[in-house]
């Protein structure tokens, strides 16, 4: 497919095993953080080695990404259209105890 680079927000402790590392190591900065700061939840992975090269970039979330913060009333109304679900704790989840 030609995809050379993935970026995501997530837990480095969880996604490191899949090859992700801090995006700042590739000179990709998170939009509202200082450029010289390692952002522990902003991750990247080159799928094609050397794809990003020596470039530098800034990630900005897409429009609508923070919809719950920008329009909380509309978000709550949308969420209310889904049936309530029971939270389950299943084997294999962190914190599961038999």
PDB file of N, CA and C in Angstrom:
ATOM      1  N   UNK A   1       0.825  -1.199   0.000  1.00  0.00           N
ATOM      2  CA  UNK A   1       0.000   0.000   0.000  1.00  0.00           C
ATOM      3  C   UNK A   1       0.864   1.255   0.000  1.00  0.00           C
ATOM      4  N   UNK A   2       2.139   1.141   0.297  1.00  0.00           N
ATOM      5  CA  UNK A   2       3.027   2.290   0.256  1.00  0.00           C
ATOM      6  C   UNK A   2       3.000   3.166   1.490  1.00  0.00           C
ATOM      7  N   UNK A   3       2.374   2.709   2.557  1.00  0.00           N
ATOM      8  CA  UNK A   3       2.321   3.505   3.779  1.00  0.00           C
ATOM      9  C   UNK A   3       3.677   3.413   4.458  1.00  0.00           C
ATOM     10  N   UNK A   4       4.328   4.556   4.630  1.00  0.00           N
ATOM     11  CA  UNK A   4       5.676   4.563   5.173  1.00  0.00           C
ATOM     12  C   UNK A   4       5.765   4.898   6.639  1.00  0.00           C
ATOM     13  N   UNK A   5       4.726   5.567   7.191  1.00  0.00           N
ATOM     14  CA  UNK A   5       4.810   6.051   8.560  1.00  0.00           C
ATOM     15  C   UNK A   5       3.432   6.050   9.202  1.00  0.00           C
ATOM     16  N   UNK A   6       3.359   5.565  10.437  1.00  0.00           N
ATOM     17  CA  UNK A   6       2.136   5.634  11.224  1.00  0.00           C
ATOM     18  C   UNK A   6       2.379   6.522  12.425  1.00  0.00           C
ATOM     19  N   UNK A   7       1.367   7.321  12.774  1.00  0.00           N
ATOM     20  CA  UNK A   7       1.411   8.145  13.976  1.00  0.00           C
ATOM     21  C   UNK A   7       0.129   7.895  14.744  1.00  0.00           C
ATOM     22  N   UNK A   8       0.215   7.921  16.064  1.00  0.00           N
ATOM     23  CA  UNK A   8      -0.976   7.686  16.867  1.00  0.00           C
ATOM     24  C   UNK A   8      -0.779   8.232  18.272  1.00  0.00           C
ATOM     25  N   UNK A   9      -1.884   8.372  18.961  1.00  0.00           N
ATOM     26  CA  UNK A   9      -1.846   8.680  20.377  1.00  0.00           C
ATOM     27  C   UNK A   9      -2.144   7.386  21.110  1.00  0.00           C
ATOM     28  N   UNK A  10      -1.323   7.052  22.098  1.00  0.00           N
ATOM     29  CA  UNK A  10      -1.532   5.811  22.823  1.00  0.00           C
ATOM     30  C   UNK A  10      -0.518   5.641  23.934  1.00  0.00           C
ATOM     31  N   UNK A  11      -0.584   4.525  24.605  1.00  0.00           N
ATOM     32  CA  UNK A  11       0.284   4.217  25.726  1.00  0.00           C
ATOM     33  C   UNK A  11       1.549   3.539  25.211  1.00  0.00           C
ATOM     34  N   UNK A  12       2.694   4.172  25.422  1.00  0.00           N
ATOM     35  CA  UNK A  12       3.959   3.621  24.938  1.00  0.00           C
ATOM     36  C   UNK A  12       4.241   2.253  25.554  1.00  0.00           C
ATOM     37  N   UNK A  13       3.842   2.062  26.796  1.00  0.00           N
ATOM     38  CA  UNK A  13       4.056   0.767  27.441  1.00  0.00           C
ATOM     39  C   UNK A  13       3.326  -0.360  26.738  1.00  0.00           C
ATOM     40  N   UNK A  14       2.187  -0.046  26.154  1.00  0.00           N
ATOM     41  CA  UNK A  14       1.399  -1.050  25.447  1.00  0.00           C
ATOM     42  C   UNK A  14       1.850  -1.214  23.998  1.00  0.00           C
ATOM     43  N   UNK A  15       2.101  -0.106  23.296  1.00  0.00           N
ATOM     44  CA  UNK A  15       2.370  -0.162  21.854  1.00  0.00           C
ATOM     45  C   UNK A  15       3.840  -0.333  21.486  1.00  0.00           C
ATOM     46  N   UNK A  16       4.734  -0.235  22.467  1.00  0.00           N
ATOM     47  CA  UNK A  16       6.158  -0.407  22.162  1.00  0.00           C
ATOM     48  C   UNK A  16       6.445  -1.797  21.587  1.00  0.00           C
ATOM     49  N   UNK A  17       5.738  -2.808  22.086  1.00  0.00           N
ATOM     50  CA  UNK A  17       5.961  -4.176  21.580  1.00  0.00           C
ATOM     51  C   UNK A  17       5.582  -4.317  20.106  1.00  0.00           C
ATOM     52  N   UNK A  18       4.774  -3.399  19.592  1.00  0.00           N
ATOM     53  CA  UNK A  18       4.369  -3.436  18.184  1.00  0.00           C
ATOM     54  C   UNK A  18       5.278  -2.569  17.314  1.00  0.00           C
ATOM     55  N   UNK A  19       6.348  -2.025  17.920  1.00  0.00           N
ATOM     56  CA  UNK A  19       7.312  -1.255  17.136  1.00  0.00           C
ATOM     57  C   UNK A  19       7.156   0.251  17.218  1.00  0.00           C
ATOM     58  N   UNK A  20       6.194   0.733  17.994  1.00  0.00           N
ATOM     59  CA  UNK A  20       6.016   2.174  18.125  1.00  0.00           C
ATOM     60  C   UNK A  20       7.003   2.740  19.133  1.00  0.00           C
ATOM     61  N   UNK A  21       7.376   3.996  18.918  1.00  0.00           N
ATOM     62  CA  UNK A  21       8.254   4.715  19.836  1.00  0.00           C
ATOM     63  C   UNK A  21       7.789   6.169  19.863  1.00  0.00           C
ATOM     64  N   UNK A  22       8.408   6.970  20.699  1.00  0.00           N
ATOM     65  CA  UNK A  22       8.025   8.374  20.775  1.00  0.00           C
ATOM     66  C   UNK A  22       8.219   9.045  19.410  1.00  0.00           C
ATOM     67  N   UNK A  23       7.218   9.748  18.958  1.00  0.00           N
ATOM     68  CA  UNK A  23       7.285  10.432  17.660  1.00  0.00           C
ATOM     69  C   UNK A  23       8.379  11.487  17.642  1.00  0.00           C
ATOM     70  N   UNK A  24       8.682  12.053  18.807  1.00  0.00           N
ATOM     71  CA  UNK A  24       9.720  13.086  18.880  1.00  0.00           C
ATOM     72  C   UNK A  24      11.079  12.553  18.439  1.00  0.00           C
ATOM     73  N   UNK A  25      11.294  11.249  18.540  1.00  0.00           N
ATOM     74  CA  UNK A  25      12.555  10.664  18.089  1.00  0.00           C
ATOM     75  C   UNK A  25      12.710  10.758  16.571  1.00  0.00           C
ATOM     76  N   UNK A  26      11.586  10.964  15.890  1.00  0.00           N
ATOM     77  CA  UNK A  26      11.607  11.164  14.430  1.00  0.00           C
ATOM     78  C   UNK A  26      11.407  12.641  14.069  1.00  0.00           C
ATOM     79  N   UNK A  27      11.536  13.533  15.064  1.00  0.00           N
ATOM     80  CA  UNK A  27      11.329  14.978  14.873  1.00  0.00           C
ATOM     81  C   UNK A  27       9.908  15.300  14.425  1.00  0.00           C
ATOM     82  N   UNK A  28       8.944  14.548  14.959  1.00  0.00           N
ATOM     83  CA  UNK A  28       7.536  14.844  14.721  1.00  0.00           C
ATOM     84  C   UNK A  28       6.975  15.326  16.054  1.00  0.00           C
ATOM     85  N   UNK A  29       6.472  16.536  16.055  1.00  0.00           N
ATOM     86  CA  UNK A  29       6.060  17.193  17.284  1.00  0.00           C
ATOM     87  C   UNK A  29       4.543  17.202  17.409  1.00  0.00           C
ATOM     88  N   UNK A  30       4.077  17.206  18.644  1.00  0.00           N
ATOM     89  CA  UNK A  30       2.641  17.287  18.919  1.00  0.00           C
ATOM     90  C   UNK A  30       2.237  18.757  18.943  1.00  0.00           C
ATOM     91  N   UNK A  31       1.127  19.075  18.337  1.00  0.00           N
ATOM     92  CA  UNK A  31       0.724  20.448  18.019  1.00  0.00           C
ATOM     93  C   UNK A  31       0.740  21.434  19.178  1.00  0.00           C
ATOM     94  N   UNK A  32       0.380  21.038  20.375  1.00  0.00           N
ATOM     95  CA  UNK A  32       0.289  22.046  21.440  1.00  0.00           C
ATOM     96  C   UNK A  32       1.319  21.840  22.550  1.00  0.00           C
ATOM     97  N   UNK A  33       2.402  21.163  22.217  1.00  0.00           N
ATOM     98  CA  UNK A  33       3.476  20.923  23.183  1.00  0.00           C
ATOM     99  C   UNK A  33       4.766  21.535  22.642  1.00  0.00           C
ATOM    100  N   UNK A  34       5.693  21.918  23.536  1.00  0.00           N
ATOM    101  CA  UNK A  34       6.978  22.459  23.058  1.00  0.00           C
ATOM    102  C   UNK A  34       7.707  21.455  22.163  1.00  0.00           C
ATOM    103  N   UNK A  35       8.362  21.959  21.123  1.00  0.00           N
ATOM    104  CA  UNK A  35       9.022  21.081  20.148  1.00  0.00           C
ATOM    105  C   UNK A  35      10.126  20.225  20.755  1.00  0.00           C
ATOM    106  N   UNK A  36      10.747  20.686  21.818  1.00  0.00           N
ATOM    107  CA  UNK A  36      11.845  19.920  22.409  1.00  0.00           C
ATOM    108  C   UNK A  36      11.379  18.956  23.501  1.00  0.00           C
ATOM    109  N   UNK A  37      10.069  18.808  23.667  1.00  0.00           N
ATOM    110  CA  UNK A  37       9.526  17.950  24.719  1.00  0.00           C
ATOM    111  C   UNK A  37       9.120  16.583  24.170  1.00  0.00           C
ATOM    112  N   UNK A  38       9.494  15.521  24.891  1.00  0.00           N
ATOM    113  CA  UNK A  38       9.037  14.175  24.545  1.00  0.00           C
ATOM    114  C   UNK A  38       7.604  14.026  25.060  1.00  0.00           C
ATOM    115  N   UNK A  39       6.673  13.770  24.176  1.00  0.00           N
ATOM    116  CA  UNK A  39       5.271  13.608  24.554  1.00  0.00           C
ATOM    117  C   UNK A  39       5.014  12.106  24.684  1.00  0.00           C
ATOM    118  N   UNK A  40       4.804  11.614  25.915  1.00  0.00           N
ATOM    119  CA  UNK A  40       4.762  10.167  26.126  1.00  0.00           C
ATOM    120  C   UNK A  40       3.599   9.440  25.471  1.00  0.00           C
ATOM    121  N   UNK A  41       2.571  10.156  25.050  1.00  0.00           N
ATOM    122  CA  UNK A  41       1.411   9.506  24.438  1.00  0.00           C
ATOM    123  C   UNK A  41       1.358   9.671  22.924  1.00  0.00           C
ATOM    124  N   UNK A  42       2.306  10.413  22.342  1.00  0.00           N
ATOM    125  CA  UNK A  42       2.308  10.622  20.891  1.00  0.00           C
ATOM    126  C   UNK A  42       3.390   9.746  20.279  1.00  0.00           C
ATOM    127  N   UNK A  43       2.956   8.742  19.521  1.00  0.00           N
ATOM    128  CA  UNK A  43       3.838   7.680  19.046  1.00  0.00           C
ATOM    129  C   UNK A  43       3.911   7.635  17.522  1.00  0.00           C
ATOM    130  N   UNK A  44       4.985   7.045  17.030  1.00  0.00           N
ATOM    131  CA  UNK A  44       5.147   6.875  15.588  1.00  0.00           C
ATOM    132  C   UNK A  44       5.937   5.602  15.316  1.00  0.00           C
ATOM    133  N   UNK A  45       5.777   5.122  14.094  1.00  0.00           N
ATOM    134  CA  UNK A  45       6.525   3.947  13.645  1.00  0.00           C
ATOM    135  C   UNK A  45       6.726   4.054  12.135  1.00  0.00           C
ATOM    136  N   UNK A  46       7.971   3.913  11.704  1.00  0.00           N
ATOM    137  CA  UNK A  46       8.249   3.853  10.273  1.00  0.00           C
ATOM    138  C   UNK A  46       7.991   2.428   9.795  1.00  0.00           C
ATOM    139  N   UNK A  47       7.122   2.272   8.816  1.00  0.00           N
ATOM    140  CA  UNK A  47       6.876   0.967   8.223  1.00  0.00           C
ATOM    141  C   UNK A  47       7.874   0.675   7.113  1.00  0.00           C
ATOM    142  N   UNK A  48       8.359   1.736   6.503  1.00  0.00           N
ATOM    143  CA  UNK A  48       9.408   1.638   5.492  1.00  0.00           C
ATOM    144  C   UNK A  48      10.633   2.316   6.097  1.00  0.00           C
ATOM    145  N   UNK A  49      11.675   1.557   6.454  1.00  0.00           N
ATOM    146  CA  UNK A  49      12.854   2.158   7.087  1.00  0.00           C
ATOM    147  C   UNK A  49      13.404   3.331   6.284  1.00  0.00           C
ATOM    148  N   UNK A  50      13.666   4.440   6.979  1.00  0.00           N
ATOM    149  CA  UNK A  50      14.199   5.633   6.341  1.00  0.00           C
ATOM    150  C   UNK A  50      13.165   6.488   5.643  1.00  0.00           C
ATOM    151  N   UNK A  51      11.909   6.111   5.694  1.00  0.00           N
ATOM    152  CA  UNK A  51      10.842   6.826   4.991  1.00  0.00           C
ATOM    153  C   UNK A  51      10.779   8.299   5.385  1.00  0.00           C
ATOM    154  N   UNK A  52      10.839   8.561   6.672  1.00  0.00           N
ATOM    155  CA  UNK A  52      10.708   9.946   7.151  1.00  0.00           C
ATOM    156  C   UNK A  52      11.997  10.729   6.956  1.00  0.00           C
ATOM    157  N   UNK A  53      13.125  10.047   6.974  1.00  0.00           N
ATOM    158  CA  UNK A  53      14.408  10.708   6.746  1.00  0.00           C
ATOM    159  C   UNK A  53      14.731  11.718   7.840  1.00  0.00           C
ATOM    160  N   UNK A  54      15.299  12.843   7.442  1.00  0.00           N
ATOM    161  CA  UNK A  54      15.694  13.890   8.387  1.00  0.00           C
ATOM    162  C   UNK A  54      14.675  15.019   8.443  1.00  0.00           C
ATOM    163  N   UNK A  55      13.466  14.756   8.025  1.00  0.00           N
ATOM    164  CA  UNK A  55      12.439  15.805   8.032  1.00  0.00           C
ATOM    165  C   UNK A  55      11.979  16.110   9.455  1.00  0.00           C
ATOM    166  N   UNK A  56      11.249  17.194   9.565  1.00  0.00           N
ATOM    167  CA  UNK A  56      10.648  17.596  10.823  1.00  0.00           C
ATOM    168  C   UNK A  56       9.200  17.957  10.528  1.00  0.00           C
ATOM    169  N   UNK A  57       8.298  17.645  11.466  1.00  0.00           N
ATOM    170  CA  UNK A  57       6.891  17.953  11.237  1.00  0.00           C
ATOM    171  C   UNK A  57       6.147  18.160  12.542  1.00  0.00           C
ATOM    172  N   UNK A  58       4.954  18.697  12.414  1.00  0.00           N
ATOM    173  CA  UNK A  58       4.073  18.916  13.560  1.00  0.00           C
ATOM    174  C   UNK A  58       2.736  18.267  13.266  1.00  0.00           C
ATOM    175  N   UNK A  59       2.291  17.426  14.197  1.00  0.00           N
ATOM    176  CA  UNK A  59       1.006  16.758  14.069  1.00  0.00           C
ATOM    177  C   UNK A  59      -0.087  17.638  14.654  1.00  0.00           C
ATOM    178  N   UNK A  60      -1.156  17.828  13.897  1.00  0.00           N
ATOM    179  CA  UNK A  60      -2.345  18.531  14.372  1.00  0.00           C
ATOM    180  C   UNK A  60      -3.533  17.587  14.213  1.00  0.00           C
ATOM    181  N   UNK A  61      -4.308  17.377  15.274  1.00  0.00           N
ATOM    182  CA  UNK A  61      -5.461  16.483  15.169  1.00  0.00           C
ATOM    183  C   UNK A  61      -6.457  16.999  14.121  1.00  0.00           C
ATOM    184  N   UNK A  62      -7.178  16.102  13.484  1.00  0.00           N
ATOM    185  CA  UNK A  62      -8.163  16.521  12.477  1.00  0.00           C
ATOM    186  C   UNK A  62      -9.322  17.277  13.113  1.00  0.00           C
ATOM    187  N   UNK A  63      -9.968  18.093  12.301  1.00  0.00           N
ATOM    188  CA  UNK A  63     -11.146  18.835  12.753  1.00  0.00           C
ATOM    189  C   UNK A  63     -12.181  17.845  13.290  1.00  0.00           C
ATOM    190  N   UNK A  64     -12.754  18.176  14.437  1.00  0.00           N
ATOM    191  CA  UNK A  64     -13.749  17.309  15.050  1.00  0.00           C
ATOM    192  C   UNK A  64     -13.185  16.326  16.050  1.00  0.00           C
ATOM    193  N   UNK A  65     -11.862  16.249  16.151  1.00  0.00           N
ATOM    194  CA  UNK A  65     -11.223  15.293  17.052  1.00  0.00           C
ATOM    195  C   UNK A  65     -11.583  15.556  18.509  1.00  0.00           C
ATOM    196  N   UNK A  66     -11.700  16.818  18.864  1.00  0.00           N
ATOM    197  CA  UNK A  66     -12.021  17.199  20.240  1.00  0.00           C
ATOM    198  C   UNK A  66     -13.480  17.609  20.375  1.00  0.00           C
ATOM    199  N   UNK A  67     -14.373  16.949  19.659  1.00  0.00           N
ATOM    200  CA  UNK A  67     -15.780  17.328  19.632  1.00  0.00           C
ATOM    201  C   UNK A  67     -16.407  17.300  21.026  1.00  0.00           C
ATOM    202  N   UNK A  68     -16.007  16.378  21.872  1.00  0.00           N
ATOM    203  CA  UNK A  68     -16.588  16.303  23.223  1.00  0.00           C
ATOM    204  C   UNK A  68     -16.230  17.538  24.034  1.00  0.00           C
ATOM    205  N   UNK A  69     -15.060  18.116  23.798  1.00  0.00           N
ATOM    206  CA  UNK A  69     -14.650  19.332  24.497  1.00  0.00           C
ATOM    207  C   UNK A  69     -15.258  20.573  23.865  1.00  0.00           C
ATOM    208  N   UNK A  70     -15.359  20.586  22.552  1.00  0.00           N
ATOM    209  CA  UNK A  70     -15.818  21.770  21.830  1.00  0.00           C
ATOM    210  C   UNK A  70     -17.330  21.957  21.908  1.00  0.00           C
ATOM    211  N   UNK A  71     -18.080  20.864  21.972  1.00  0.00           N
ATOM    212  CA  UNK A  71     -19.539  20.959  21.991  1.00  0.00           C
ATOM    213  C   UNK A  71     -20.094  19.857  22.897  1.00  0.00           C
ATOM    214  N   UNK A  72     -19.900  19.999  24.219  1.00  0.00           N
ATOM    215  CA  UNK A  72     -20.263  18.911  25.130  1.00  0.00           C
ATOM    216  C   UNK A  72     -21.746  18.545  25.117  1.00  0.00           C
ATOM    217  N   UNK A  73     -22.632  19.518  24.924  1.00  0.00           N
ATOM    218  CA  UNK A  73     -24.071  19.220  24.918  1.00  0.00           C
ATOM    219  C   UNK A  73     -24.430  18.331  23.734  1.00  0.00           C
ATOM    220  N   UNK A  74     -23.931  18.654  22.574  1.00  0.00           N
ATOM    221  CA  UNK A  74     -24.214  17.850  21.381  1.00  0.00           C
ATOM    222  C   UNK A  74     -23.604  16.452  21.524  1.00  0.00           C
ATOM    223  N   UNK A  75     -22.408  16.385  22.118  1.00  0.00           N
ATOM    224  CA  UNK A  75     -21.764  15.090  22.305  1.00  0.00           C
ATOM    225  C   UNK A  75     -22.571  14.219  23.263  1.00  0.00           C
ATOM    226  N   UNK A  76     -23.038  14.793  24.364  1.00  0.00           N
ATOM    227  CA  UNK A  76     -23.855  14.036  25.325  1.00  0.00           C
ATOM    228  C   UNK A  76     -25.151  13.541  24.665  1.00  0.00           C
ATOM    229  N   UNK A  77     -25.768  14.382  23.845  1.00  0.00           N
ATOM    230  CA  UNK A  77     -26.998  13.982  23.152  1.00  0.00           C
ATOM    231  C   UNK A  77     -26.716  12.805  22.207  1.00  0.00           C
ATOM    232  N   UNK A  78     -25.602  12.865  21.509  1.00  0.00           N
ATOM    233  CA  UNK A  78     -25.221  11.777  20.603  1.00  0.00           C
ATOM    234  C   UNK A  78     -24.962  10.498  21.391  1.00  0.00           C
ATOM    235  N   UNK A  79     -24.195  10.592  22.469  1.00  0.00           N
ATOM    236  CA  UNK A  79     -23.890   9.424  23.297  1.00  0.00           C
ATOM    237  C   UNK A  79     -25.159   8.784  23.848  1.00  0.00           C
ATOM    238  N   UNK A  80     -26.164   9.586  24.167  1.00  0.00           N
ATOM    239  CA  UNK A  80     -27.409   9.075  24.745  1.00  0.00           C
ATOM    240  C   UNK A  80     -28.206   8.228  23.759  1.00  0.00           C
ATOM    241  N   UNK A  81     -27.862   8.265  22.469  1.00  0.00           N
ATOM    242  CA  UNK A  81     -28.583   7.473  21.472  1.00  0.00           C
ATOM    243  C   UNK A  81     -28.149   6.006  21.484  1.00  0.00           C
ATOM    244  N   UNK A  82     -27.073   5.672  22.212  1.00  0.00           N
ATOM    245  CA  UNK A  82     -26.575   4.301  22.277  1.00  0.00           C
ATOM    246  C   UNK A  82     -27.097   3.619  23.533  1.00  0.00           C
ATOM    247  N   UNK A  83     -27.415   2.324  23.455  1.00  0.00           N
ATOM    248  CA  UNK A  83     -27.886   1.621  24.652  1.00  0.00           C
ATOM    249  C   UNK A  83     -26.774   1.525  25.703  1.00  0.00           C
ATOM    250  N   UNK A  84     -27.171   1.565  26.958  1.00  0.00           N
ATOM    251  CA  UNK A  84     -26.223   1.428  28.061  1.00  0.00           C
ATOM    252  C   UNK A  84     -25.631   0.025  28.052  1.00  0.00           C
ATOM    253  N   UNK A  85     -24.337  -0.106  28.306  1.00  0.00           N
ATOM    254  CA  UNK A  85     -23.679  -1.409  28.337  1.00  0.00           C
ATOM    255  C   UNK A  85     -23.111  -1.664  29.721  1.00  0.00           C
ATOM    256  N   UNK A  86     -23.088  -2.940  30.090  1.00  0.00           N
ATOM    257  CA  UNK A  86     -22.502  -3.335  31.353  1.00  0.00           C
ATOM    258  C   UNK A  86     -20.994  -3.494  31.171  1.00  0.00           C
ATOM    259  N   UNK A  87     -20.225  -2.890  32.074  1.00  0.00           N
ATOM    260  CA  UNK A  87     -18.771  -3.026  32.006  1.00  0.00           C
ATOM    261  C   UNK A  87     -18.383  -4.388  32.566  1.00  0.00           C
ATOM    262  N   UNK A  88     -17.630  -5.147  31.779  1.00  0.00           N
ATOM    263  CA  UNK A  88     -17.194  -6.477  32.176  1.00  0.00           C
ATOM    264  C   UNK A  88     -15.696  -6.493  32.432  1.00  0.00           C
ATOM    265  N   UNK A  89     -15.268  -7.346  33.333  1.00  0.00           N
ATOM    266  CA  UNK A  89     -13.848  -7.603  33.558  1.00  0.00           C
ATOM    267  C   UNK A  89     -13.609  -9.052  33.144  1.00  0.00           C
ATOM    268  N   UNK A  90     -12.805  -9.230  32.110  1.00  0.00           N
ATOM    269  CA  UNK A  90     -12.603 -10.558  31.539  1.00  0.00           C
ATOM    270  C   UNK A  90     -11.160 -11.007  31.689  1.00  0.00           C
ATOM    271  N   UNK A  91     -10.913 -12.331  31.689  1.00  0.00           N
ATOM    272  CA  UNK A  91      -9.533 -12.832  31.750  1.00  0.00           C
ATOM    273  C   UNK A  91      -8.708 -12.220  30.620  1.00  0.00           C
ATOM    274  N   UNK A  92      -7.485 -11.872  30.941  1.00  0.00           N
ATOM    275  CA  UNK A  92      -6.595 -11.255  29.964  1.00  0.00           C
ATOM    276  C   UNK A  92      -6.544  -9.747  30.081  1.00  0.00           C
ATOM    277  N   UNK A  93      -7.509  -9.135  30.770  1.00  0.00           N
ATOM    278  CA  UNK A  93      -7.479  -7.698  30.974  1.00  0.00           C
ATOM    279  C   UNK A  93      -6.589  -7.359  32.155  1.00  0.00           C
ATOM    280  N   UNK A  94      -5.982  -6.187  32.099  1.00  0.00           N
ATOM    281  CA  UNK A  94      -5.196  -5.726  33.236  1.00  0.00           C
ATOM    282  C   UNK A  94      -6.117  -5.586  34.441  1.00  0.00           C
ATOM    283  N   UNK A  95      -5.649  -6.030  35.581  1.00  0.00           N
ATOM    284  CA  UNK A  95      -6.431  -5.904  36.801  1.00  0.00           C
ATOM    285  C   UNK A  95      -7.443  -7.015  36.995  1.00  0.00           C
ATOM    286  N   UNK A  96      -7.500  -7.981  36.105  1.00  0.00           N
ATOM    287  CA  UNK A  96      -8.451  -9.088  36.252  1.00  0.00           C
ATOM    288  C   UNK A  96      -7.976 -10.007  37.360  1.00  0.00           C
ATOM    289  N   UNK A  97      -8.886 -10.347  38.236  1.00  0.00           N
ATOM    290  CA  UNK A  97      -8.565 -11.288  39.309  1.00  0.00           C
ATOM    291  C   UNK A  97      -9.620 -12.381  39.316  1.00  0.00           C
ATOM    292  N   UNK A  98      -9.204 -13.631  39.429  1.00  0.00           N
ATOM    293  CA  UNK A  98     -10.165 -14.744  39.464  1.00  0.00           C
ATOM    294  C   UNK A  98     -10.707 -14.923  40.852  1.00  0.00           C
TER     295      UNK A  98
END
